[in-house]
Amino acid sequence: MGDFYAARSGPIPPLPWSSFPPPFSAAAPTPRSRVDSALLKALARGFRWRKLLETGHFATIEEIAEAENINPSYISRVLRMTLLAPEIVDAILAGTQPAGLTRAKVMKPFPMEWQRQVFS
């Protein structure tokens, strides 16, 4: 038993995580933004419906609307989201989109040119 305590009386090795910054310090990484689930769901639906049209599963928006029991105009507005710039889509997926970028805002007409798509 004496050997046990003798071995423990030596210097304590440093902890392996001592180099990590404390939470909420200036060196701590910024927390990830919150994902807007309504915006993300609409984006996913838009890409799903687009795929169904492109693969010939459905021929028209009206066919999708009937199968999904949703208004065709809503489907058209959601499908328009598939024309967003890739950087905007990536930001929505990551939850880092600008605060002003909401589902309601994206459902309104926006420029088709990616350079002109500004949501703030």
C-alpha atoms as a PDB file:
ATOM      1  CA  MET A   1       0.000   0.000   0.000  1.00  0.00           C
ATOM      2  CA  GLY A   2       2.919   2.325   0.688  1.00  0.00           C
ATOM      3  CA  ASP A   3       4.129   2.024  -2.917  1.00  0.00           C
ATOM      4  CA  PHE A   4       0.772   3.247  -4.161  1.00  0.00           C
ATOM      5  CA  TYR A   5       0.988   6.542  -2.284  1.00  0.00           C
ATOM      6  CA  ALA A   6       4.678   6.947  -3.066  1.00  0.00           C
ATOM      7  CA  ALA A   7       3.946   6.723  -6.782  1.00  0.00           C
ATOM      8  CA  ARG A   8       1.146   9.313  -6.458  1.00  0.00           C
ATOM      9  CA  SER A   9       3.307  11.879  -4.677  1.00  0.00           C
ATOM     10  CA  GLY A  10       5.217  12.837  -7.847  1.00  0.00           C
ATOM     11  CA  PRO A  11       4.405  15.778 -10.110  1.00  0.00           C
ATOM     12  CA  ILE A  12       0.965  15.793 -11.675  1.00  0.00           C
ATOM     13  CA  PRO A  13       1.087  15.703 -15.475  1.00  0.00           C
ATOM     14  CA  PRO A  14      -0.724  18.526 -17.279  1.00  0.00           C
ATOM     15  CA  LEU A  15      -4.278  17.897 -18.381  1.00  0.00           C
ATOM     16  CA  PRO A  16      -4.605  17.225 -22.107  1.00  0.00           C
ATOM     17  CA  TRP A  17      -7.310  19.848 -22.548  1.00  0.00           C
ATOM     18  CA  SER A  18      -5.627  22.741 -20.777  1.00  0.00           C
ATOM     19  CA  SER A  19      -5.009  24.499 -24.090  1.00  0.00           C
ATOM     20  CA  PHE A  20      -8.724  24.834 -24.888  1.00  0.00           C
ATOM     21  CA  PRO A  21     -10.175  28.300 -24.243  1.00  0.00           C
ATOM     22  CA  PRO A  22     -12.837  28.588 -21.558  1.00  0.00           C
ATOM     23  CA  PRO A  23     -16.414  28.899 -22.786  1.00  0.00           C
ATOM     24  CA  PHE A  24     -17.537  32.361 -23.844  1.00  0.00           C
ATOM     25  CA  SER A  25     -13.991  33.706 -23.879  1.00  0.00           C
ATOM     26  CA  ALA A  26     -12.731  35.897 -26.702  1.00  0.00           C
ATOM     27  CA  ALA A  27     -10.816  32.936 -28.125  1.00  0.00           C
ATOM     28  CA  ALA A  28     -13.810  30.577 -28.003  1.00  0.00           C
ATOM     29  CA  PRO A  29     -15.328  29.777 -31.382  1.00  0.00           C
ATOM     30  CA  THR A  30     -18.554  31.555 -32.196  1.00  0.00           C
ATOM     31  CA  PRO A  31     -21.610  29.395 -31.612  1.00  0.00           C
ATOM     32  CA  ARG A  32     -23.327  27.987 -34.661  1.00  0.00           C
ATOM     33  CA  SER A  33     -26.359  29.922 -35.768  1.00  0.00           C
ATOM     34  CA  ARG A  34     -29.747  28.362 -35.379  1.00  0.00           C
ATOM     35  CA  VAL A  35     -31.203  26.537 -38.342  1.00  0.00           C
ATOM     36  CA  ASP A  36     -34.550  27.980 -39.458  1.00  0.00           C
ATOM     37  CA  SER A  37     -36.519  24.740 -39.668  1.00  0.00           C
ATOM     38  CA  ALA A  38     -39.417  26.237 -41.665  1.00  0.00           C
ATOM     39  CA  LEU A  39     -37.000  27.679 -44.232  1.00  0.00           C
ATOM     40  CA  LEU A  40     -34.995  24.456 -44.358  1.00  0.00           C
ATOM     41  CA  LYS A  41     -38.131  22.321 -44.779  1.00  0.00           C
ATOM     42  CA  ALA A  42     -39.401  24.507 -47.614  1.00  0.00           C
ATOM     43  CA  LEU A  43     -36.018  24.357 -49.349  1.00  0.00           C
ATOM     44  CA  ALA A  44     -35.927  20.555 -49.048  1.00  0.00           C
ATOM     45  CA  ARG A  45     -39.460  20.255 -50.393  1.00  0.00           C
ATOM     46  CA  GLY A  46     -38.593  22.494 -53.326  1.00  0.00           C
ATOM     47  CA  PHE A  47     -35.611  20.366 -54.312  1.00  0.00           C
ATOM     48  CA  ARG A  48     -37.642  17.190 -53.850  1.00  0.00           C
ATOM     49  CA  TRP A  49     -40.454  18.473 -56.068  1.00  0.00           C
ATOM     50  CA  ARG A  50     -37.966  19.660 -58.664  1.00  0.00           C
ATOM     51  CA  LYS A  51     -36.415  16.191 -58.746  1.00  0.00           C
ATOM     52  CA  LEU A  52     -39.852  14.621 -59.184  1.00  0.00           C
ATOM     53  CA  LEU A  53     -40.492  16.909 -62.170  1.00  0.00           C
ATOM     54  CA  GLU A  54     -37.052  16.356 -63.717  1.00  0.00           C
ATOM     55  CA  THR A  55     -37.259  12.567 -63.444  1.00  0.00           C
ATOM     56  CA  GLY A  56     -40.721  12.481 -64.981  1.00  0.00           C
ATOM     57  CA  HIS A  57     -42.437  11.134 -61.885  1.00  0.00           C
ATOM     58  CA  PHE A  58     -44.831  14.056 -62.281  1.00  0.00           C
ATOM     59  CA  ALA A  59     -45.331  16.043 -65.475  1.00  0.00           C
ATOM     60  CA  THR A  60     -46.797  19.235 -64.005  1.00  0.00           C
ATOM     61  CA  ILE A  61     -47.012  21.261 -60.823  1.00  0.00           C
ATOM     62  CA  GLU A  62     -50.725  20.528 -60.761  1.00  0.00           C
ATOM     63  CA  GLU A  63     -50.017  16.783 -60.566  1.00  0.00           C
ATOM     64  CA  ILE A  64     -47.715  17.333 -57.595  1.00  0.00           C
ATOM     65  CA  ALA A  65     -50.321  19.566 -55.964  1.00  0.00           C
ATOM     66  CA  GLU A  66     -52.986  16.906 -56.346  1.00  0.00           C
ATOM     67  CA  ALA A  67     -50.725  14.132 -55.013  1.00  0.00           C
ATOM     68  CA  GLU A  68     -49.537  16.242 -52.045  1.00  0.00           C
ATOM     69  CA  ASN A  69     -52.931  17.887 -51.468  1.00  0.00           C
ATOM     70  CA  ILE A  70     -51.304  21.326 -51.612  1.00  0.00           C
ATOM     71  CA  ASN A  71     -52.194  24.467 -53.572  1.00  0.00           C
ATOM     72  CA  PRO A  72     -50.283  24.650 -56.909  1.00  0.00           C
ATOM     73  CA  SER A  73     -49.333  28.296 -56.315  1.00  0.00           C
ATOM     74  CA  TYR A  74     -47.592  27.318 -53.056  1.00  0.00           C
ATOM     75  CA  ILE A  75     -45.678  24.603 -54.890  1.00  0.00           C
ATOM     76  CA  SER A  76     -44.612  27.139 -57.535  1.00  0.00           C
ATOM     77  CA  ARG A  77     -43.321  29.527 -54.877  1.00  0.00           C
ATOM     78  CA  VAL A  78     -41.432  26.764 -53.075  1.00  0.00           C
ATOM     79  CA  LEU A  79     -39.968  25.486 -56.358  1.00  0.00           C
ATOM     80  CA  ARG A  80     -38.599  28.981 -56.978  1.00  0.00           C
ATOM     81  CA  MET A  81     -36.336  28.469 -53.944  1.00  0.00           C
ATOM     82  CA  THR A  82     -34.337  25.944 -55.997  1.00  0.00           C
ATOM     83  CA  LEU A  83     -33.090  28.931 -58.026  1.00  0.00           C
ATOM     84  CA  LEU A  84     -31.292  30.476 -55.055  1.00  0.00           C
ATOM     85  CA  ALA A  85     -27.540  30.984 -55.345  1.00  0.00           C
ATOM     86  CA  PRO A  86     -25.529  28.009 -54.059  1.00  0.00           C
ATOM     87  CA  GLU A  87     -23.959  30.190 -51.355  1.00  0.00           C
ATOM     88  CA  ILE A  88     -27.415  31.065 -50.030  1.00  0.00           C
ATOM     89  CA  VAL A  89     -28.519  27.423 -50.075  1.00  0.00           C
ATOM     90  CA  ASP A  90     -25.344  26.442 -48.198  1.00  0.00           C
ATOM     91  CA  ALA A  91     -25.973  29.171 -45.607  1.00  0.00           C
ATOM     92  CA  ILE A  92     -29.547  27.948 -45.074  1.00  0.00           C
ATOM     93  CA  LEU A  93     -28.323  24.374 -44.618  1.00  0.00           C
ATOM     94  CA  ALA A  94     -25.660  25.503 -42.147  1.00  0.00           C
ATOM     95  CA  GLY A  95     -27.986  27.853 -40.277  1.00  0.00           C
ATOM     96  CA  THR A  96     -25.774  30.851 -41.043  1.00  0.00           C
ATOM     97  CA  GLN A  97     -28.160  32.704 -43.349  1.00  0.00           C
ATOM     98  CA  PRO A  98     -28.701  36.430 -42.731  1.00  0.00           C
ATOM     99  CA  ALA A  99     -31.319  37.212 -40.099  1.00  0.00           C
ATOM    100  CA  GLY A 100     -33.518  38.839 -42.747  1.00  0.00           C
ATOM    101  CA  LEU A 101     -33.652  35.678 -44.833  1.00  0.00           C
ATOM    102  CA  THR A 102     -36.930  34.045 -43.853  1.00  0.00           C
ATOM    103  CA  ARG A 103     -39.252  31.617 -45.576  1.00  0.00           C
ATOM    104  CA  ALA A 104     -41.782  34.387 -46.137  1.00  0.00           C
ATOM    105  CA  LYS A 105     -39.155  36.601 -47.793  1.00  0.00           C
ATOM    106  CA  VAL A 106     -37.842  33.837 -50.053  1.00  0.00           C
ATOM    107  CA  MET A 107     -41.373  32.915 -51.132  1.00  0.00           C
ATOM    108  CA  LYS A 108     -41.674  36.332 -52.786  1.00  0.00           C
ATOM    109  CA  PRO A 109     -40.164  36.952 -56.231  1.00  0.00           C
ATOM    110  CA  PHE A 110     -36.405  37.513 -56.232  1.00  0.00           C
ATOM    111  CA  PRO A 111     -33.815  38.070 -59.009  1.00  0.00           C
ATOM    112  CA  MET A 112     -32.769  34.943 -60.869  1.00  0.00           C
ATOM    113  CA  GLU A 113     -29.179  36.193 -61.247  1.00  0.00           C
ATOM    114  CA  TRP A 114     -27.205  34.892 -58.300  1.00  0.00           C
ATOM    115  CA  GLN A 115     -25.146  38.100 -58.002  1.00  0.00           C
ATOM    116  CA  ARG A 116     -28.309  40.144 -57.470  1.00  0.00           C
ATOM    117  CA  GLN A 117     -29.823  37.895 -54.799  1.00  0.00           C
ATOM    118  CA  VAL A 118     -29.382  39.900 -51.624  1.00  0.00           C
ATOM    119  CA  PHE A 119     -31.305  39.100 -48.468  1.00  0.00           C
ATOM    120  CA  SER A 120     -30.570  41.160 -45.380  1.00  0.00           C
END
